[in-house]
C-alpha atoms as a PDB file:
ATOM      1  CA  MET A   1     133.112  91.693  61.682  1.00  0.00           C
ATOM      2  CA  THR A   2     131.519  91.249  65.075  1.00  0.00           C
ATOM      3  CA  THR A   3     130.720  88.537  67.533  1.00  0.00           C
ATOM      4  CA  ARG A   4     127.884  88.311  70.022  1.00  0.00           C
ATOM      5  CA  THR A   5     128.192  86.946  73.524  1.00  0.00           C
ATOM      6  CA  SER A   6     125.407  84.983  75.199  1.00  0.00           C
ATOM      7  CA  ARG A   7     122.914  86.706  77.508  1.00  0.00           C
ATOM      8  CA  ARG A   8     122.422  85.206  80.932  1.00  0.00           C
ATOM      9  CA  ASP A   9     119.224  85.285  82.992  1.00  0.00           C
ATOM     10  CA  LEU A  10     120.499  85.840  86.513  1.00  0.00           C
ATOM     11  CA  SER A  11     117.110  86.716  87.979  1.00  0.00           C
ATOM     12  CA  ALA A  12     117.122  83.588  90.173  1.00  0.00           C
ATOM     13  CA  PHE A  13     119.702  85.352  92.359  1.00  0.00           C
ATOM     14  CA  ALA A  14     117.391  88.340  92.664  1.00  0.00           C
ATOM     15  CA  VAL A  15     114.597  86.013  93.820  1.00  0.00           C
ATOM     16  CA  LEU A  16     116.924  84.771  96.543  1.00  0.00           C
ATOM     17  CA  SER A  17     117.541  88.383  97.528  1.00  0.00           C
ATOM     18  CA  ILE A  18     113.794  89.131  97.604  1.00  0.00           C
ATOM     19  CA  VAL A  19     113.005  86.163  99.864  1.00  0.00           C
ATOM     20  CA  THR A  20     115.912  87.060 102.151  1.00  0.00           C
ATOM     21  CA  ALA A  21     114.757  90.688 102.436  1.00  0.00           C
ATOM     22  CA  ILE A  22     111.213  89.616 103.400  1.00  0.00           C
ATOM     23  CA  VAL A  23     112.526  87.261 106.111  1.00  0.00           C
ATOM     24  CA  VAL A  24     114.994  89.803 107.481  1.00  0.00           C
ATOM     25  CA  ILE A  25     112.423  92.649 107.511  1.00  0.00           C
ATOM     26  CA  GLY A  26     110.091  90.475 109.558  1.00  0.00           C
ATOM     27  CA  LEU A  27     112.770  89.588 112.075  1.00  0.00           C
ATOM     28  CA  LYS A  28     114.009  93.155 112.454  1.00  0.00           C
ATOM     29  CA  LEU A  29     110.515  94.583 112.878  1.00  0.00           C
ATOM     30  CA  ILE A  30     109.890  92.062 115.619  1.00  0.00           C
ATOM     31  CA  ALA A  31     113.148  93.115 117.287  1.00  0.00           C
ATOM     32  CA  TRP A  32     112.102  96.778 117.048  1.00  0.00           C
ATOM     33  CA  ARG A  33     108.624  96.137 118.449  1.00  0.00           C
ATOM     34  CA  ILE A  34     110.082  94.211 121.379  1.00  0.00           C
ATOM     35  CA  THR A  35     112.753  96.761 122.308  1.00  0.00           C
ATOM     36  CA  GLY A  36     111.328 100.049 121.022  1.00  0.00           C
ATOM     37  CA  SER A  37     114.830 100.973 119.785  1.00  0.00           C
ATOM     38  CA  VAL A  38     114.937 103.557 117.030  1.00  0.00           C
ATOM     39  CA  GLY A  39     118.329 102.124 116.078  1.00  0.00           C
ATOM     40  CA  LEU A  40     116.725  98.769 115.376  1.00  0.00           C
ATOM     41  CA  LEU A  41     113.905 100.541 113.507  1.00  0.00           C
ATOM     42  CA  SER A  42     116.460 102.258 111.296  1.00  0.00           C
ATOM     43  CA  ASP A  43     117.997  98.850 110.613  1.00  0.00           C
ATOM     44  CA  ALA A  44     114.591  97.492 109.631  1.00  0.00           C
ATOM     45  CA  LEU A  45     113.972 100.436 107.304  1.00  0.00           C
ATOM     46  CA  GLU A  46     117.249  99.742 105.498  1.00  0.00           C
ATOM     47  CA  SER A  47     116.114  96.145 105.018  1.00  0.00           C
ATOM     48  CA  LEU A  48     112.885  97.442 103.504  1.00  0.00           C
ATOM     49  CA  VAL A  49     115.035  99.283 100.990  1.00  0.00           C
ATOM     50  CA  ASN A  50     116.796  95.986 100.331  1.00  0.00           C
ATOM     51  CA  LEU A  51     113.430  94.464  99.385  1.00  0.00           C
ATOM     52  CA  VAL A  52     112.512  97.282  96.977  1.00  0.00           C
ATOM     53  CA  ALA A  53     115.996  97.155  95.461  1.00  0.00           C
ATOM     54  CA  ALA A  54     115.823  93.358  95.089  1.00  0.00           C
ATOM     55  CA  VAL A  55     112.534  93.655  93.185  1.00  0.00           C
ATOM     56  CA  GLY A  56     114.113  96.291  90.941  1.00  0.00           C
ATOM     57  CA  ALA A  57     117.134  94.020  90.431  1.00  0.00           C
ATOM     58  CA  PHE A  58     114.846  91.148  89.418  1.00  0.00           C
ATOM     59  CA  VAL A  59     113.164  93.247  86.769  1.00  0.00           C
ATOM     60  CA  ALA A  60     116.477  94.635  85.501  1.00  0.00           C
ATOM     61  CA  LEU A  61     118.113  91.198  85.250  1.00  0.00           C
ATOM     62  CA  ARG A  62     115.133  89.837  83.335  1.00  0.00           C
ATOM     63  CA  VAL A  63     115.339  92.719  80.878  1.00  0.00           C
ATOM     64  CA  ALA A  64     119.150  92.461  80.595  1.00  0.00           C
ATOM     65  CA  ALA A  65     118.850  88.786  79.640  1.00  0.00           C
ATOM     66  CA  LYS A  66     116.724  89.583  76.580  1.00  0.00           C
ATOM     67  CA  PRO A  67     118.476  89.158  73.203  1.00  0.00           C
ATOM     68  CA  PRO A  68     118.866  92.028  70.768  1.00  0.00           C
ATOM     69  CA  ASP A  69     115.749  93.071  68.881  1.00  0.00           C
ATOM     70  CA  ARG A  70     114.718  95.640  66.290  1.00  0.00           C
ATOM     71  CA  GLY A  71     114.548  98.411  68.825  1.00  0.00           C
ATOM     72  CA  HIS A  72     117.704  97.404  70.752  1.00  0.00           C
ATOM     73  CA  ASN A  73     120.252  96.065  68.286  1.00  0.00           C
ATOM     74  CA  PHE A  74     123.000  95.789  70.910  1.00  0.00           C
ATOM     75  CA  GLY A  75     120.877  94.054  73.538  1.00  0.00           C
ATOM     76  CA  HIS A  76     119.516  95.190  76.875  1.00  0.00           C
ATOM     77  CA  THR A  77     122.419  94.744  79.280  1.00  0.00           C
ATOM     78  CA  LYS A  78     122.490  98.387  80.359  1.00  0.00           C
ATOM     79  CA  ALA A  79     119.219  97.787  82.158  1.00  0.00           C
ATOM     80  CA  GLU A  80     121.388  96.669  85.072  1.00  0.00           C
ATOM     81  CA  TYR A  81     122.719 100.180  85.573  1.00  0.00           C
ATOM     82  CA  PHE A  82     119.203 101.583  85.884  1.00  0.00           C
ATOM     83  CA  SER A  83     118.562  99.063  88.659  1.00  0.00           C
ATOM     84  CA  ALA A  84     121.687 100.123  90.518  1.00  0.00           C
ATOM     85  CA  VAL A  85     120.741 103.830  90.199  1.00  0.00           C
ATOM     86  CA  PHE A  86     117.265 103.008  91.523  1.00  0.00           C
ATOM     87  CA  GLU A  87     118.775 101.144  94.458  1.00  0.00           C
ATOM     88  CA  GLY A  88     121.041 104.095  95.249  1.00  0.00           C
ATOM     89  CA  VAL A  89     118.071 106.507  95.251  1.00  0.00           C
ATOM     90  CA  MET A  90     116.073 104.199  97.552  1.00  0.00           C
ATOM     91  CA  ILE A  91     119.028 104.042  99.934  1.00  0.00           C
ATOM     92  CA  VAL A  92     119.018 107.840 100.172  1.00  0.00           C
ATOM     93  CA  VAL A  93     115.258 107.856 100.845  1.00  0.00           C
ATOM     94  CA  ALA A  94     115.733 105.346 103.643  1.00  0.00           C
ATOM     95  CA  ALA A  95     118.552 107.374 105.154  1.00  0.00           C
ATOM     96  CA  VAL A  96     116.370 110.503 105.262  1.00  0.00           C
ATOM     97  CA  ALA A  97     113.558 108.535 106.951  1.00  0.00           C
ATOM     98  CA  ILE A  98     115.978 107.191 109.540  1.00  0.00           C
ATOM     99  CA  ILE A  99     117.342 110.663 110.354  1.00  0.00           C
ATOM    100  CA  VAL A 100     113.829 112.087 110.793  1.00  0.00           C
ATOM    101  CA  THR A 101     112.889 109.236 113.165  1.00  0.00           C
ATOM    102  CA  ALA A 102     116.152 109.509 115.089  1.00  0.00           C
ATOM    103  CA  VAL A 103     115.811 113.294 115.598  1.00  0.00           C
ATOM    104  CA  ASP A 104     112.310 112.803 116.988  1.00  0.00           C
ATOM    105  CA  ARG A 105     113.672 110.200 119.433  1.00  0.00           C
ATOM    106  CA  LEU A 106     116.427 112.592 120.512  1.00  0.00           C
ATOM    107  CA  VAL A 107     113.758 115.130 121.418  1.00  0.00           C
ATOM    108  CA  ASN A 108     111.490 112.482 123.011  1.00  0.00           C
ATOM    109  CA  PRO A 109     113.704 109.784 124.623  1.00  0.00           C
ATOM    110  CA  ARG A 110     112.189 106.376 125.388  1.00  0.00           C
ATOM    111  CA  GLU A 111     113.324 103.559 127.600  1.00  0.00           C
ATOM    112  CA  LEU A 112     114.275 100.301 125.844  1.00  0.00           C
ATOM    113  CA  GLU A 113     112.554  97.021 126.684  1.00  0.00           C
ATOM    114  CA  GLU A 114     113.426  93.315 126.335  1.00  0.00           C
ATOM    115  CA  VAL A 115     116.813  94.195 124.910  1.00  0.00           C
ATOM    116  CA  GLY A 116     118.252  90.679 125.092  1.00  0.00           C
ATOM    117  CA  VAL A 117     115.513  89.056 123.017  1.00  0.00           C
ATOM    118  CA  GLY A 118     115.460  91.870 120.489  1.00  0.00           C
ATOM    119  CA  LEU A 119     119.214  91.781 119.956  1.00  0.00           C
ATOM    120  CA  ALA A 120     119.175  87.955 119.564  1.00  0.00           C
ATOM    121  CA  ILE A 121     116.562  88.243 116.802  1.00  0.00           C
ATOM    122  CA  SER A 122     118.493  91.035 115.074  1.00  0.00           C
ATOM    123  CA  ILE A 123     121.713  89.001 115.164  1.00  0.00           C
ATOM    124  CA  GLY A 124     119.919  86.057 113.563  1.00  0.00           C
ATOM    125  CA  ALA A 125     118.734  88.324 110.742  1.00  0.00           C
ATOM    126  CA  THR A 126     122.290  89.579 110.301  1.00  0.00           C
ATOM    127  CA  VAL A 127     123.608  86.069 109.783  1.00  0.00           C
ATOM    128  CA  VAL A 128     121.035  85.459 107.046  1.00  0.00           C
ATOM    129  CA  ASN A 129     122.004  88.749 105.350  1.00  0.00           C
ATOM    130  CA  ALA A 130     125.717  87.938 105.546  1.00  0.00           C
ATOM    131  CA  VAL A 131     125.353  84.532 103.877  1.00  0.00           C
ATOM    132  CA  VAL A 132     123.127  85.799 101.023  1.00  0.00           C
ATOM    133  CA  GLY A 133     125.226  88.926 100.550  1.00  0.00           C
ATOM    134  CA  TRP A 134     128.343  86.809 100.107  1.00  0.00           C
ATOM    135  CA  VAL A 135     126.528  84.596  97.566  1.00  0.00           C
ATOM    136  CA  LEU A 136     125.345  87.604  95.537  1.00  0.00           C
ATOM    137  CA  ILE A 137     128.767  89.302  95.495  1.00  0.00           C
ATOM    138  CA  ARG A 138     130.427  86.108  94.264  1.00  0.00           C
ATOM    139  CA  ALA A 139     127.743  85.611  91.601  1.00  0.00           C
ATOM    140  CA  GLY A 140     128.007  89.237  90.542  1.00  0.00           C
ATOM    141  CA  ARG A 141     131.775  89.051  90.061  1.00  0.00           C
ATOM    142  CA  ARG A 142     131.623  85.666  88.365  1.00  0.00           C
ATOM    143  CA  HIS A 143     128.953  86.805  85.870  1.00  0.00           C
ATOM    144  CA  ARG A 144     130.080  90.455  85.685  1.00  0.00           C
ATOM    145  CA  SER A 145     126.696  91.687  86.879  1.00  0.00           C
ATOM    146  CA  VAL A 146     126.798  95.164  88.447  1.00  0.00           C
ATOM    147  CA  THR A 147     123.255  94.611  89.693  1.00  0.00           C
ATOM    148  CA  LEU A 148     124.036  91.446  91.670  1.00  0.00           C
ATOM    149  CA  GLU A 149     127.294  92.829  93.006  1.00  0.00           C
ATOM    150  CA  ALA A 150     125.577  96.074  94.104  1.00  0.00           C
ATOM    151  CA  ASP A 151     122.763  94.109  95.769  1.00  0.00           C
ATOM    152  CA  GLY A 152     125.288  91.896  97.564  1.00  0.00           C
ATOM    153  CA  LYS A 153     127.375  94.820  98.765  1.00  0.00           C
ATOM    154  CA  HIS A 154     124.222  96.525  99.983  1.00  0.00           C
ATOM    155  CA  LEU A 155     123.363  93.449 102.038  1.00  0.00           C
ATOM    156  CA  MET A 156     126.889  93.373 103.480  1.00  0.00           C
ATOM    157  CA  THR A 157     126.554  97.052 104.363  1.00  0.00           C
ATOM    158  CA  ASP A 158     123.359  96.109 106.132  1.00  0.00           C
ATOM    159  CA  VAL A 159     125.319  93.486 108.067  1.00  0.00           C
ATOM    160  CA  TRP A 160     127.825  96.041 109.391  1.00  0.00           C
ATOM    161  CA  THR A 161     124.996  98.473 110.061  1.00  0.00           C
ATOM    162  CA  THR A 162     123.223  95.881 112.164  1.00  0.00           C
ATOM    163  CA  ILE A 163     126.375  95.057 114.049  1.00  0.00           C
ATOM    164  CA  GLY A 164     126.810  98.733 114.898  1.00  0.00           C
ATOM    165  CA  VAL A 165     123.177  99.041 115.975  1.00  0.00           C
ATOM    166  CA  VAL A 166     123.358  95.915 118.138  1.00  0.00           C
ATOM    167  CA  VAL A 167     126.465  97.192 119.895  1.00  0.00           C
ATOM    168  CA  GLY A 168     124.817 100.581 120.407  1.00  0.00           C
ATOM    169  CA  VAL A 169     121.607  99.166 121.827  1.00  0.00           C
ATOM    170  CA  PHE A 170     123.614  96.974 124.151  1.00  0.00           C
ATOM    171  CA  LEU A 171     125.525 100.012 125.385  1.00  0.00           C
ATOM    172  CA  VAL A 172     122.259 101.913 125.902  1.00  0.00           C
ATOM    173  CA  ALA A 173     120.979  99.070 128.032  1.00  0.00           C
ATOM    174  CA  ALA A 174     124.244  98.859 129.939  1.00  0.00           C
ATOM    175  CA  THR A 175     124.743 102.599 130.552  1.00  0.00           C
ATOM    176  CA  GLY A 176     121.173 103.882 130.554  1.00  0.00           C
ATOM    177  CA  TRP A 177     122.159 106.838 128.306  1.00  0.00           C
ATOM    178  CA  LEU A 178     119.110 107.008 126.028  1.00  0.00           C
ATOM    179  CA  PRO A 179     120.418 109.593 123.486  1.00  0.00           C
ATOM    180  CA  LEU A 180     122.970 107.017 122.310  1.00  0.00           C
ATOM    181  CA  ASP A 181     120.208 105.036 120.529  1.00  0.00           C
ATOM    182  CA  PRO A 182     119.112 107.818 118.086  1.00  0.00           C
ATOM    183  CA  LEU A 183     122.708 109.011 117.669  1.00  0.00           C
ATOM    184  CA  ILE A 184     123.648 105.556 116.459  1.00  0.00           C
ATOM    185  CA  ALA A 185     120.658 105.616 114.102  1.00  0.00           C
ATOM    186  CA  ILE A 186     121.914 108.899 112.616  1.00  0.00           C
ATOM    187  CA  ALA A 187     125.392 107.427 112.162  1.00  0.00           C
ATOM    188  CA  VAL A 188     123.768 104.466 110.381  1.00  0.00           C
ATOM    189  CA  ALA A 189     121.902 106.882 108.110  1.00  0.00           C
ATOM    190  CA  ILE A 190     125.120 108.709 107.148  1.00  0.00           C
ATOM    191  CA  ASN A 191     126.743 105.390 106.262  1.00  0.00           C
ATOM    192  CA  ILE A 192     123.740 104.464 104.132  1.00  0.00           C
ATOM    193  CA  LEU A 193     124.004 107.804 102.283  1.00  0.00           C
ATOM    194  CA  VAL A 194     127.616 107.032 101.391  1.00  0.00           C
ATOM    195  CA  VAL A 195     126.693 103.605 100.047  1.00  0.00           C
ATOM    196  CA  GLY A 196     123.835 105.059  97.991  1.00  0.00           C
ATOM    197  CA  GLY A 197     126.070 107.760  96.528  1.00  0.00           C
ATOM    198  CA  ARG A 198     128.703 105.239  95.458  1.00  0.00           C
ATOM    199  CA  LEU A 199     126.082 103.048  93.751  1.00  0.00           C
ATOM    200  CA  VAL A 200     124.699 106.001  91.786  1.00  0.00           C
ATOM    201  CA  TRP A 201     128.196 107.147  90.792  1.00  0.00           C
ATOM    202  CA  ARG A 202     129.267 103.710  89.572  1.00  0.00           C
ATOM    203  CA  SER A 203     126.047 103.169  87.656  1.00  0.00           C
ATOM    204  CA  GLY A 204     126.335 106.583  86.024  1.00  0.00           C
ATOM    205  CA  ALA A 205     129.839 105.674  84.824  1.00  0.00           C
ATOM    206  CA  GLY A 206     128.423 102.561  83.165  1.00  0.00           C
ATOM    207  CA  LEU A 207     125.686 104.542  81.435  1.00  0.00           C
ATOM    208  CA  MET A 208     128.390 106.850  80.084  1.00  0.00           C
ATOM    209  CA  ASP A 209     130.119 103.989  78.240  1.00  0.00           C
ATOM    210  CA  SER A 210     133.234 103.917  80.414  1.00  0.00           C
ATOM    211  CA  ALA A 211     136.318 102.256  78.936  1.00  0.00           C
ATOM    212  CA  LEU A 212     137.384  98.821  80.172  1.00  0.00           C
ATOM    213  CA  PRO A 213     139.539  98.623  83.320  1.00  0.00           C
ATOM    214  CA  ASP A 214     143.297  98.935  82.868  1.00  0.00           C
ATOM    215  CA  ASP A 215     143.968  95.200  83.363  1.00  0.00           C
ATOM    216  CA  GLU A 216     141.524  94.201  80.619  1.00  0.00           C
ATOM    217  CA  ARG A 217     142.795  96.856  78.250  1.00  0.00           C
ATOM    218  CA  ALA A 218     146.337  95.612  78.927  1.00  0.00           C
ATOM    219  CA  ALA A 219     145.249  92.069  78.023  1.00  0.00           C
ATOM    220  CA  ILE A 220     143.789  93.329  74.739  1.00  0.00           C
ATOM    221  CA  ASP A 221     146.969  95.253  73.937  1.00  0.00           C
ATOM    222  CA  GLY A 222     149.051  92.153  74.686  1.00  0.00           C
ATOM    223  CA  VAL A 223     147.183  90.124  72.052  1.00  0.00           C
ATOM    224  CA  LEU A 224     147.509  92.887  69.437  1.00  0.00           C
ATOM    225  CA  ASP A 225     151.198  93.392  70.172  1.00  0.00           C
ATOM    226  CA  ARG A 226     151.891  89.735  69.360  1.00  0.00           C
ATOM    227  CA  HIS A 227     150.571  90.289  65.838  1.00  0.00           C
ATOM    228  CA  ARG A 228     152.212  93.619  65.084  1.00  0.00           C
ATOM    229  CA  GLY A 229     154.958  93.574  62.478  1.00  0.00           C
ATOM    230  CA  ASP A 230     155.468  92.220  58.937  1.00  0.00           C
ATOM    231  CA  GLY A 231     153.029  94.750  57.527  1.00  0.00           C
ATOM    232  CA  ILE A 232     150.382  94.338  60.241  1.00  0.00           C
ATOM    233  CA  ASP A 233     149.363  97.047  62.694  1.00  0.00           C
ATOM    234  CA  PHE A 234     146.332  98.235  64.708  1.00  0.00           C
ATOM    235  CA  HIS A 235     144.911 101.618  65.641  1.00  0.00           C
ATOM    236  CA  ASP A 236     141.682 103.379  66.678  1.00  0.00           C
ATOM    237  CA  ILE A 237     141.188 100.904  69.525  1.00  0.00           C
ATOM    238  CA  ARG A 238     138.149 101.727  71.617  1.00  0.00           C
ATOM    239  CA  THR A 239     136.541  99.811  74.493  1.00  0.00           C
ATOM    240  CA  ARG A 240     133.419 100.052  76.617  1.00  0.00           C
ATOM    241  CA  GLU A 241     131.348  97.944  78.971  1.00  0.00           C
ATOM    242  CA  ALA A 242     127.610  97.409  79.385  1.00  0.00           C
ATOM    243  CA  GLY A 243     126.564  95.260  82.332  1.00  0.00           C
ATOM    244  CA  HIS A 244     128.478  91.994  82.125  1.00  0.00           C
ATOM    245  CA  GLU A 245     129.381  92.492  78.462  1.00  0.00           C
ATOM    246  CA  ARG A 246     132.651  94.003  77.184  1.00  0.00           C
ATOM    247  CA  PHE A 247     133.124  95.619  73.747  1.00  0.00           C
ATOM    248  CA  VAL A 248     136.234  96.457  71.720  1.00  0.00           C
ATOM    249  CA  GLN A 249     136.414  97.897  68.219  1.00  0.00           C
ATOM    250  CA  LEU A 250     139.628  98.429  66.290  1.00  0.00           C
ATOM    251  CA  HIS A 251     141.148  98.964  62.871  1.00  0.00           C
ATOM    252  CA  MET A 252     143.474  96.257  61.580  1.00  0.00           C
ATOM    253  CA  LEU A 253     145.998  97.415  58.979  1.00  0.00           C
ATOM    254  CA  VAL A 254     147.308  94.772  56.561  1.00  0.00           C
ATOM    255  CA  PRO A 255     149.300  94.812  53.271  1.00  0.00           C
ATOM    256  CA  GLY A 256     147.158  96.172  50.489  1.00  0.00           C
ATOM    257  CA  ASP A 257     147.856  93.195  48.191  1.00  0.00           C
ATOM    258  CA  TRP A 258     146.397  90.676  50.676  1.00  0.00           C
ATOM    259  CA  SER A 259     143.289  88.811  49.589  1.00  0.00           C
ATOM    260  CA  VAL A 260     140.036  89.393  51.478  1.00  0.00           C
ATOM    261  CA  GLN A 261     140.169  85.766  52.644  1.00  0.00           C
ATOM    262  CA  ARG A 262     143.628  86.156  54.161  1.00  0.00           C
ATOM    263  CA  ALA A 263     142.680  89.336  56.030  1.00  0.00           C
ATOM    264  CA  HIS A 264     139.471  87.742  57.207  1.00  0.00           C
ATOM    265  CA  ASP A 265     141.306  84.675  58.539  1.00  0.00           C
ATOM    266  CA  LEU A 266     143.701  86.821  60.548  1.00  0.00           C
ATOM    267  CA  ALA A 267     140.840  88.892  61.954  1.00  0.00           C
ATOM    268  CA  GLU A 268     139.039  85.712  63.048  1.00  0.00           C
ATOM    269  CA  GLN A 269     142.194  84.462  64.779  1.00  0.00           C
ATOM    270  CA  ILE A 270     142.670  87.756  66.615  1.00  0.00           C
ATOM    271  CA  GLU A 271     139.028  87.838  67.687  1.00  0.00           C
ATOM    272  CA  ASP A 272     139.366  84.341  69.160  1.00  0.00           C
ATOM    273  CA  GLU A 273     142.494  85.335  71.061  1.00  0.00           C
ATOM    274  CA  LEU A 274     140.877  88.504  72.407  1.00  0.00           C
ATOM    275  CA  ARG A 275     137.812  86.616  73.644  1.00  0.00           C
ATOM    276  CA  ALA A 276     140.130  84.140  75.352  1.00  0.00           C
ATOM    277  CA  VAL A 277     141.745  86.869  77.512  1.00  0.00           C
ATOM    278  CA  VAL A 278     138.638  89.021  78.220  1.00  0.00           C
ATOM    279  CA  GLU A 279     135.400  87.268  79.169  1.00  0.00           C
ATOM    280  CA  ASP A 280     132.105  88.261  77.494  1.00  0.00           C
ATOM    281  CA  LEU A 281     133.913  90.314  74.868  1.00  0.00           C
ATOM    282  CA  THR A 282     132.284  91.408  71.620  1.00  0.00           C
ATOM    283  CA  VAL A 283     134.881  92.338  68.979  1.00  0.00           C
ATOM    284  CA  THR A 284     134.453  94.591  65.933  1.00  0.00           C
ATOM    285  CA  VAL A 285     137.383  94.638  63.449  1.00  0.00           C
ATOM    286  CA  HIS A 286     137.662  97.012  60.481  1.00  0.00           C
ATOM    287  CA  VAL A 287     140.277  95.926  57.935  1.00  0.00           C
ATOM    288  CA  GLU A 288     142.307  98.608  56.090  1.00  0.00           C
ATOM    289  CA  PRO A 289     145.320  98.635  53.750  1.00  0.00           C
ATOM    290  CA  ILE A 290     148.439  99.688  55.652  1.00  0.00           C
ATOM    291  CA  ASN A 291     149.854 101.670  52.709  1.00  0.00           C
ATOM    292  CA  ASP A 292     146.748 103.911  52.332  1.00  0.00           C
ATOM    293  CA  PRO A 293     147.128 107.271  54.209  1.00  0.00           C
ATOM    294  CA  ARG A 294     143.385 107.325  54.843  1.00  0.00           C
ATOM    295  CA  ALA A 295     143.781 104.215  57.003  1.00  0.00           C
ATOM    296  CA  TYR A 296     145.553 106.287  59.673  1.00  0.00           C
ATOM    297  CA  GLU A 297     142.657 108.620  60.371  1.00  0.00           C
ATOM    298  CA  ASP A 298     142.014 108.158  64.072  1.00  0.00           C
ATOM    299  CA  TRP A 299     139.781 109.394  66.818  1.00  0.00           C
ATOM    300  CA  ARG A 300     141.209 111.890  69.232  1.00  0.00           C
ATOM    301  CA  LEU A 301     141.078 111.910  73.030  1.00  0.00           C
ATOM    302  CA  GLU A 302     140.000 115.234  74.434  1.00  0.00           C
END
């Protein structure tokens, strides 16, 4: 027997991310045009990646919210992982573009202009990013959305990147050492590469049907342990996650002389208890007679 959790349309959060990215890109491009800082340009390019990623997140969240259909019997929640992989790839592309621009500026230094105004605009954009990033991370964790959490963490990375760039540009203006500007841009690009790599790695793990985290598996085992004994046992317990949804399948061993109704009632009770300790959990229970040797055939971990 199985249960199906509800699908949530979280695309409204992605719309917020899209609008934020457009506003921030505009502000950062203005700051770059005013100052001529390649560091600020690199910051603007990362925000452009934020916009592309936010659009990808919007599409993925809309797809993930669709109910199961004939072609996708288990729903569409894994679409979120494709969005996160796409975002990671775009981050890498932006980092390469930043490095190319920064190397050119190292070879051909340029004096910075109107630093004060440019930095003030960039700081304003950073505040906007920080607020929206915090909102997305909270929403992602609350709704177990890897797409929203990745988008929020990307925005927060952008915040720290901007802070580093602002400090660097200020030091360039204060010391007059022009190579510091492109060197900071290269450091920003390396940081962006790390963020992109982590997003791709995490998303790949989700596409590979990773087991649930240890704390959630412990909660599941705790429920099952309460029911063990008096001719009742469990085995072949497997878990996986797909987007915000969690899945567990298990074999429940009961006395062979039990009626179907009695075994069914116990399975329903256990399913309710499991869903109470792990949010968005879909449970599949296979009932077997405990005195039948065939009931103990189990999968093996390699």
